[in-house]
Amino acid sequence: MKYGYARVSTKDQVLDLQIDALKQAGCHKIFQEVISGSKVDRPEWLKLVGELKSGDTLIIWKLDRMGRSLHHLVTTVNNLVSKNIDIISLQDPLNTTSAQGRLMFNMFASLAEFEKDLIRERTMAGLKSARARGRMGGRPKGLSEKAKRTACTAEALYKQKELTSNEIAEQLNISKTTLYQYLRSRNVKLGG
């Protein structure tokens, strides 16, 4: 079965062009949504992936509709292809239904892996160079002055025992995990 996936990032954009092309390509069912591609949780995409079965074909308007980054796209395509699901991009040279199309995709995947390795090598070389000059990377140890003040307030509220941990975190506009980190930094005994 042929499935289509259409996505735009904002409400100002329209899906018509993608949907018309997907219908013309013979899609039996089209999933569509208005959501940023950077979002991990794209409900319609997740429904579509859950419905795809071995032998199905996924047709998209353009590769960037599927993935948040090149690495994410490569992972997504590899996962689908490993389940015997073919992928066709109407605007890109990707068609995993042919040996040539799979070769092209694997070349793109290799380039993406090469790019990731180059970035890692440059980062490591930069860190080594900085260490040689006496600079250490990473976040400074301890709490900032603002965090110390928030931790002091958190301690006072916690010791009053009038609010739950969730309520304190909400009132201070921090996560519950951060609240506990702040309390531990002030040597507050938790759970007592």
Protein backbone atom coordinates (compact mmCIF):
# COMPACT_ATOMS: atom_id res chain seq x y z
CA MET A 1 0.00 0.00 0.00
CA LYS A 2 1.19 3.52 -0.74
CA TYR A 3 1.13 6.00 2.14
CA GLY A 4 1.83 9.70 1.93
CA TYR A 5 3.16 12.12 4.51
CA ALA A 6 2.76 15.88 4.21
CA ARG A 7 3.99 18.40 6.76
CA VAL A 8 4.38 22.15 7.04
CA SER A 9 5.98 23.93 9.96
CA THR A 10 3.60 26.84 10.54
CA LYS A 11 -0.09 27.65 10.18
CA ASP A 12 0.86 30.28 7.57
CA GLN A 13 1.96 27.53 5.20
CA VAL A 14 -0.42 25.32 3.25
CA LEU A 15 -0.29 21.59 2.56
CA ASP A 16 -2.17 21.71 -0.76
CA LEU A 17 0.88 21.40 -3.04
CA GLN A 18 2.23 18.39 -1.14
CA ILE A 19 -1.16 16.68 -0.87
CA ASP A 20 -1.92 17.14 -4.58
CA ALA A 21 1.47 15.65 -5.50
CA LEU A 22 1.01 12.72 -3.10
CA LYS A 23 -2.44 11.97 -4.56
CA GLN A 24 -1.02 12.14 -8.08
CA ALA A 25 1.72 9.69 -7.00
CA GLY A 26 -1.03 7.19 -6.08
CA CYS A 27 -1.08 7.39 -2.28
CA HIS A 28 -4.01 5.49 -0.79
CA LYS A 29 -3.77 7.21 2.58
CA ILE A 30 -2.15 10.57 3.41
CA PHE A 31 -1.09 11.67 6.87
CA GLN A 32 -0.72 15.40 7.27
CA GLU A 33 0.21 17.81 10.03
CA VAL A 34 1.24 21.35 10.82
CA ILE A 35 4.18 21.03 13.21
CA SER A 36 7.85 21.94 13.28
CA GLY A 37 10.17 19.25 11.98
CA SER A 38 12.38 19.81 15.03
CA LYS A 39 9.67 18.32 17.25
CA VAL A 40 10.35 14.74 18.29
CA ASP A 41 6.71 14.02 19.01
CA ARG A 42 4.86 14.52 15.73
CA PRO A 43 1.51 12.73 16.28
CA GLU A 44 0.58 12.10 12.65
CA TRP A 45 4.10 10.91 11.80
CA LEU A 46 3.98 8.48 14.72
CA LYS A 47 0.56 7.19 13.59
CA LEU A 48 1.88 6.70 10.07
CA VAL A 49 5.00 4.82 11.19
CA GLY A 50 2.82 2.63 13.40
CA GLU A 51 0.62 1.75 10.44
CA LEU A 52 3.38 0.97 7.90
CA LYS A 53 3.98 -2.72 7.22
CA SER A 54 6.51 -4.74 5.25
CA GLY A 55 5.95 -4.19 1.52
CA ASP A 56 4.37 -0.74 1.95
CA THR A 57 5.72 2.39 0.26
CA LEU A 58 6.04 5.75 1.97
CA ILE A 59 5.92 8.73 -0.38
CA ILE A 60 6.95 12.19 0.76
CA TRP A 61 7.16 15.52 -1.02
CA LYS A 62 10.71 16.23 0.15
CA LEU A 63 13.21 14.55 2.50
CA ASP A 64 13.17 17.41 5.01
CA ARG A 65 9.51 16.55 5.75
CA MET A 66 10.70 13.36 7.49
CA GLY A 67 13.70 14.28 9.60
CA ARG A 68 14.92 16.90 12.05
CA SER A 69 18.54 16.63 10.89
CA LEU A 70 20.55 14.65 8.40
CA HIS A 71 21.53 12.17 11.10
CA HIS A 72 17.88 11.77 12.19
CA LEU A 73 16.79 11.39 8.57
CA VAL A 74 19.39 8.68 7.89
CA THR A 75 18.34 6.79 11.03
CA THR A 76 14.64 7.09 10.10
CA VAL A 77 15.15 5.89 6.53
CA ASN A 78 17.38 3.01 7.65
CA ASN A 79 14.76 1.91 10.20
CA LEU A 80 12.02 1.92 7.56
CA VAL A 81 14.11 0.18 4.90
CA SER A 82 15.14 -2.52 7.41
CA LYS A 83 11.41 -3.25 7.83
CA ASN A 84 11.09 -3.68 4.04
CA ILE A 85 9.29 -0.35 3.63
CA ASP A 86 10.21 1.55 0.47
CA ILE A 87 10.58 5.32 0.47
CA ILE A 88 10.09 7.69 -2.42
CA SER A 89 10.78 11.41 -2.22
CA LEU A 90 9.08 13.30 -5.03
CA GLN A 91 11.52 16.24 -5.00
CA ASP A 92 14.78 14.49 -4.05
CA PRO A 93 16.78 11.70 -5.68
CA LEU A 94 15.56 9.09 -3.22
CA ASN A 95 13.70 6.03 -4.31
CA THR A 96 14.57 2.93 -2.30
CA THR A 97 12.47 0.75 -4.60
CA SER A 98 15.49 0.44 -6.91
CA ALA A 99 19.09 -0.68 -6.38
CA GLN A 100 20.27 2.71 -7.68
CA GLY A 101 18.05 4.54 -5.20
CA ARG A 102 19.34 2.48 -2.28
CA LEU A 103 22.92 3.14 -3.42
CA MET A 104 22.27 6.90 -3.56
CA PHE A 105 20.77 6.87 -0.09
CA ASN A 106 23.69 4.88 1.30
CA MET A 107 26.07 7.42 -0.23
CA PHE A 108 24.15 10.22 1.54
CA ALA A 109 24.24 8.22 4.77
CA SER A 110 28.01 7.73 4.44
CA LEU A 111 28.48 11.45 3.85
CA ALA A 112 26.39 12.23 6.93
CA GLU A 113 28.48 9.83 9.01
CA PHE A 114 31.68 11.38 7.59
CA GLU A 115 30.42 14.87 8.48
CA LYS A 116 29.60 13.74 12.04
CA ASP A 117 33.09 12.21 12.42
CA LEU A 118 34.74 15.39 11.13
CA ILE A 119 32.81 17.50 13.64
CA ARG A 120 33.79 15.13 16.45
CA GLU A 121 37.48 15.24 15.39
CA ARG A 122 37.46 19.07 15.22
CA THR A 123 35.79 19.28 18.63
CA MET A 124 38.32 16.92 20.21
CA ALA A 125 41.24 18.81 18.60
CA GLY A 126 39.81 22.11 19.88
CA LEU A 127 39.43 20.74 23.42
CA LYS A 128 42.96 19.32 23.36
CA SER A 129 44.34 22.66 22.17
CA ALA A 130 42.42 24.54 24.87
CA ARG A 131 43.67 22.13 27.59
CA ALA A 132 47.25 22.61 26.35
CA ARG A 133 46.77 26.34 26.97
CA GLY A 134 45.42 25.64 30.46
CA ARG A 135 41.73 26.12 29.70
CA MET A 136 39.26 23.55 30.86
CA GLY A 137 35.90 23.25 29.14
CA GLY A 138 32.52 22.50 30.56
CA ARG A 139 30.11 24.20 32.86
CA PRO A 140 31.56 25.87 35.97
CA LYS A 141 31.15 23.85 39.16
CA GLY A 142 28.58 24.93 41.72
CA LEU A 143 25.53 27.17 41.48
CA SER A 144 25.28 30.66 40.02
CA GLU A 145 24.38 33.49 42.39
CA LYS A 146 20.78 33.47 41.15
CA ALA A 147 20.56 29.68 41.63
CA LYS A 148 21.98 30.04 45.15
CA ARG A 149 19.23 32.54 46.02
CA THR A 150 16.59 30.21 44.54
CA ALA A 151 18.08 27.29 46.50
CA CYS A 152 17.85 29.33 49.73
CA THR A 153 14.18 30.09 49.02
CA ALA A 154 13.56 26.45 48.13
CA GLU A 155 15.08 25.37 51.43
CA ALA A 156 12.89 27.77 53.42
CA LEU A 157 9.71 26.64 51.63
CA TYR A 158 10.63 22.97 51.97
CA LYS A 159 11.30 23.26 55.70
CA GLN A 160 7.95 25.03 56.29
CA LYS A 161 6.24 21.83 55.08
CA GLU A 162 3.21 23.78 53.85
CA LEU A 163 3.73 23.06 50.15
CA THR A 164 4.42 19.84 48.28
CA SER A 165 7.65 19.47 46.31
CA ASN A 166 5.66 19.90 43.08
CA GLU A 167 4.10 23.12 44.37
CA ILE A 168 7.48 24.51 45.46
CA ALA A 169 9.03 23.69 42.09
CA GLU A 170 6.08 25.26 40.29
CA GLN A 171 6.20 28.39 42.46
CA LEU A 172 9.95 28.79 41.84
CA ASN A 173 9.54 28.00 38.14
CA ILE A 174 12.03 25.11 38.26
CA SER A 175 11.74 21.38 37.68
CA LYS A 176 11.31 18.98 40.55
CA THR A 177 14.74 17.51 39.73
CA THR A 178 16.32 20.96 39.99
CA LEU A 179 14.51 21.55 43.28
CA TYR A 180 16.07 18.39 44.73
CA GLN A 181 19.51 19.38 43.40
CA TYR A 182 19.16 22.77 45.07
CA LEU A 183 18.06 21.23 48.36
CA ARG A 184 20.96 18.75 48.30
CA SER A 185 23.37 21.63 47.61
CA ARG A 186 22.12 23.20 50.88
CA ASN A 187 22.50 19.86 52.74
CA VAL A 188 18.76 19.57 53.35
CA LYS A 189 17.65 16.09 54.40
CA LEU A 190 15.04 14.99 51.88
CA GLY A 191 11.90 13.02 52.62
CA GLY A 192 11.94 13.68 56.33
